[in-house]
Amino acid sequence: MKYRVSLEKTEEGYSVWVPGLPGCWSQGKTEKEALENITDAIEGYLKVVDKLTANKEIRYVEVANA
């Protein structure tokens, strides 16, 4: 699965966040490190979502890629 991320150069390195996942962000000293860290952050975010929705009625919709 692919997620669109936003990467920004900072004084400390790079800041990265996922616009489609509110609150999902990370950072790294290098661009490579920041992208590796956001991958871990996305995986953790999705695990929490799974736990929070475990006993809920869920539906899926398909969205065409723009």
N, C-alpha and C. Protein backbone atom coordinates (compact mmCIF):
# COMPACT_ATOMS: atom_id res chain seq x y z
N MET A 1 0.84 -1.16 0.00
CA MET A 1 0.00 0.00 0.00
C MET A 1 0.90 1.24 0.00
N LYS A 2 0.51 2.23 -0.74
CA LYS A 2 1.28 3.47 -0.81
C LYS A 2 0.50 4.60 -0.16
N TYR A 3 1.23 5.47 0.53
CA TYR A 3 0.65 6.66 1.13
C TYR A 3 1.41 7.88 0.63
N ARG A 4 0.69 8.93 0.38
CA ARG A 4 1.31 10.20 0.01
C ARG A 4 1.84 10.85 1.28
N VAL A 5 3.10 11.27 1.26
CA VAL A 5 3.69 11.93 2.42
C VAL A 5 4.22 13.29 2.00
N SER A 6 4.32 14.17 2.96
CA SER A 6 4.87 15.50 2.73
C SER A 6 6.18 15.59 3.50
N LEU A 7 7.23 15.96 2.81
CA LEU A 7 8.57 16.00 3.39
C LEU A 7 9.07 17.44 3.36
N GLU A 8 9.62 17.89 4.48
CA GLU A 8 10.11 19.27 4.56
C GLU A 8 11.49 19.29 5.23
N LYS A 9 12.40 20.00 4.60
CA LYS A 9 13.75 20.18 5.17
C LYS A 9 13.66 21.13 6.34
N THR A 10 14.29 20.76 7.46
CA THR A 10 14.31 21.61 8.65
C THR A 10 15.76 21.84 9.06
N GLU A 11 15.96 22.64 10.09
CA GLU A 11 17.31 22.88 10.60
C GLU A 11 17.93 21.61 11.17
N GLU A 12 17.08 20.71 11.69
CA GLU A 12 17.56 19.47 12.31
C GLU A 12 17.64 18.31 11.34
N GLY A 13 17.07 18.43 10.16
CA GLY A 13 17.04 17.33 9.20
C GLY A 13 15.81 17.42 8.33
N TYR A 14 14.90 16.43 8.50
CA TYR A 14 13.68 16.40 7.71
C TYR A 14 12.48 16.06 8.59
N SER A 15 11.39 16.73 8.32
CA SER A 15 10.11 16.45 8.96
C SER A 15 9.20 15.85 7.89
N VAL A 16 8.45 14.84 8.26
CA VAL A 16 7.59 14.16 7.29
C VAL A 16 6.26 13.83 7.95
N TRP A 17 5.16 14.00 7.19
CA TRP A 17 3.84 13.68 7.71
C TRP A 17 2.97 13.14 6.59
N VAL A 18 1.86 12.51 7.01
CA VAL A 18 0.94 11.89 6.07
C VAL A 18 -0.35 12.70 6.08
N PRO A 19 -0.62 13.49 5.05
CA PRO A 19 -1.83 14.31 5.04
C PRO A 19 -3.11 13.50 5.21
N GLY A 20 -3.14 12.27 4.73
CA GLY A 20 -4.34 11.43 4.82
C GLY A 20 -4.53 10.75 6.16
N LEU A 21 -3.55 10.85 7.06
CA LEU A 21 -3.63 10.22 8.38
C LEU A 21 -3.34 11.29 9.44
N PRO A 22 -4.37 11.99 9.90
CA PRO A 22 -4.16 13.09 10.85
C PRO A 22 -3.31 12.68 12.06
N GLY A 23 -2.30 13.47 12.34
CA GLY A 23 -1.44 13.22 13.49
C GLY A 23 -0.30 12.25 13.22
N CYS A 24 -0.23 11.70 12.03
CA CYS A 24 0.83 10.75 11.69
C CYS A 24 2.00 11.51 11.11
N TRP A 25 3.08 11.64 11.88
CA TRP A 25 4.24 12.38 11.44
C TRP A 25 5.49 11.77 12.06
N SER A 26 6.63 12.11 11.52
CA SER A 26 7.91 11.66 12.04
C SER A 26 8.99 12.62 11.55
N GLN A 27 10.24 12.24 11.79
CA GLN A 27 11.36 13.06 11.37
C GLN A 27 12.59 12.20 11.24
N GLY A 28 13.64 12.76 10.71
CA GLY A 28 14.91 12.06 10.59
C GLY A 28 16.01 13.04 10.24
N LYS A 29 17.25 12.64 10.49
CA LYS A 29 18.38 13.51 10.17
C LYS A 29 18.60 13.61 8.68
N THR A 30 18.26 12.53 7.95
CA THR A 30 18.38 12.52 6.49
C THR A 30 17.01 12.24 5.89
N GLU A 31 16.87 12.52 4.60
CA GLU A 31 15.61 12.21 3.92
C GLU A 31 15.31 10.72 4.01
N LYS A 32 16.31 9.90 3.80
CA LYS A 32 16.15 8.44 3.86
C LYS A 32 15.65 8.01 5.24
N GLU A 33 16.29 8.53 6.29
CA GLU A 33 15.90 8.18 7.65
C GLU A 33 14.47 8.64 7.94
N ALA A 34 14.11 9.85 7.50
CA ALA A 34 12.75 10.35 7.72
C ALA A 34 11.73 9.46 7.04
N LEU A 35 12.01 9.02 5.81
CA LEU A 35 11.07 8.15 5.09
C LEU A 35 10.97 6.78 5.74
N GLU A 36 12.08 6.26 6.26
CA GLU A 36 12.02 4.99 7.00
C GLU A 36 11.20 5.16 8.27
N ASN A 37 11.39 6.27 8.96
CA ASN A 37 10.67 6.51 10.20
C ASN A 37 9.18 6.70 9.97
N ILE A 38 8.80 7.35 8.87
CA ILE A 38 7.36 7.54 8.62
C ILE A 38 6.71 6.22 8.25
N THR A 39 7.47 5.32 7.64
CA THR A 39 6.94 3.99 7.36
C THR A 39 6.56 3.29 8.67
N ASP A 40 7.44 3.37 9.66
CA ASP A 40 7.14 2.79 10.97
C ASP A 40 5.94 3.48 11.62
N ALA A 41 5.89 4.80 11.48
CA ALA A 41 4.78 5.56 12.07
C ALA A 41 3.45 5.18 11.43
N ILE A 42 3.43 5.00 10.12
CA ILE A 42 2.20 4.59 9.43
C ILE A 42 1.75 3.22 9.92
N GLU A 43 2.69 2.28 10.01
CA GLU A 43 2.34 0.93 10.48
C GLU A 43 1.76 0.98 11.89
N GLY A 44 2.38 1.77 12.78
CA GLY A 44 1.86 1.92 14.14
C GLY A 44 0.49 2.57 14.16
N TYR A 45 0.31 3.58 13.36
CA TYR A 45 -0.97 4.29 13.26
C TYR A 45 -2.08 3.32 12.86
N LEU A 46 -1.80 2.51 11.82
CA LEU A 46 -2.82 1.57 11.33
C LEU A 46 -3.13 0.48 12.34
N LYS A 47 -2.15 0.05 13.13
CA LYS A 47 -2.41 -0.93 14.18
C LYS A 47 -3.36 -0.36 15.23
N VAL A 48 -3.15 0.90 15.58
CA VAL A 48 -4.04 1.55 16.56
C VAL A 48 -5.45 1.66 15.99
N VAL A 49 -5.57 2.04 14.72
CA VAL A 49 -6.89 2.14 14.09
C VAL A 49 -7.58 0.77 14.12
N ASP A 50 -6.84 -0.29 13.82
CA ASP A 50 -7.42 -1.64 13.88
C ASP A 50 -7.94 -1.96 15.28
N LYS A 51 -7.17 -1.63 16.30
CA LYS A 51 -7.60 -1.90 17.68
C LYS A 51 -8.83 -1.08 18.05
N LEU A 52 -8.86 0.19 17.63
CA LEU A 52 -9.99 1.06 17.98
C LEU A 52 -11.27 0.68 17.25
N THR A 53 -11.16 0.00 16.13
CA THR A 53 -12.34 -0.36 15.34
C THR A 53 -12.64 -1.85 15.38
N ALA A 54 -11.96 -2.60 16.23
CA ALA A 54 -12.07 -4.06 16.27
C ALA A 54 -13.51 -4.55 16.45
N ASN A 55 -14.29 -3.92 17.27
CA ASN A 55 -15.66 -4.37 17.54
C ASN A 55 -16.71 -3.47 16.91
N LYS A 56 -16.31 -2.74 15.90
CA LYS A 56 -17.23 -1.81 15.23
C LYS A 56 -17.66 -2.39 13.89
N GLU A 57 -18.81 -1.94 13.42
CA GLU A 57 -19.28 -2.33 12.10
C GLU A 57 -18.53 -1.49 11.07
N ILE A 58 -17.85 -2.14 10.16
CA ILE A 58 -16.97 -1.47 9.20
C ILE A 58 -17.45 -1.73 7.78
N ARG A 59 -17.32 -0.76 6.93
CA ARG A 59 -17.59 -0.88 5.48
C ARG A 59 -16.38 -0.36 4.73
N TYR A 60 -16.20 -0.83 3.53
CA TYR A 60 -15.12 -0.37 2.66
C TYR A 60 -15.71 0.23 1.41
N VAL A 61 -15.08 1.27 0.91
CA VAL A 61 -15.47 1.89 -0.35
C VAL A 61 -14.24 1.97 -1.23
N GLU A 62 -14.46 1.89 -2.52
CA GLU A 62 -13.37 2.03 -3.46
C GLU A 62 -13.40 3.43 -4.05
N VAL A 63 -12.24 4.05 -4.09
CA VAL A 63 -12.11 5.41 -4.59
C VAL A 63 -11.16 5.38 -5.78
N ALA A 64 -11.60 5.99 -6.88
CA ALA A 64 -10.74 6.06 -8.06
C ALA A 64 -9.55 6.95 -7.79
N ASN A 65 -8.40 6.57 -8.28
CA ASN A 65 -7.18 7.35 -8.09
C ASN A 65 -7.22 8.55 -9.04
N ALA A 66 -7.12 9.74 -8.47
CA ALA A 66 -7.20 10.97 -9.28
C ALA A 66 -5.89 11.27 -9.95
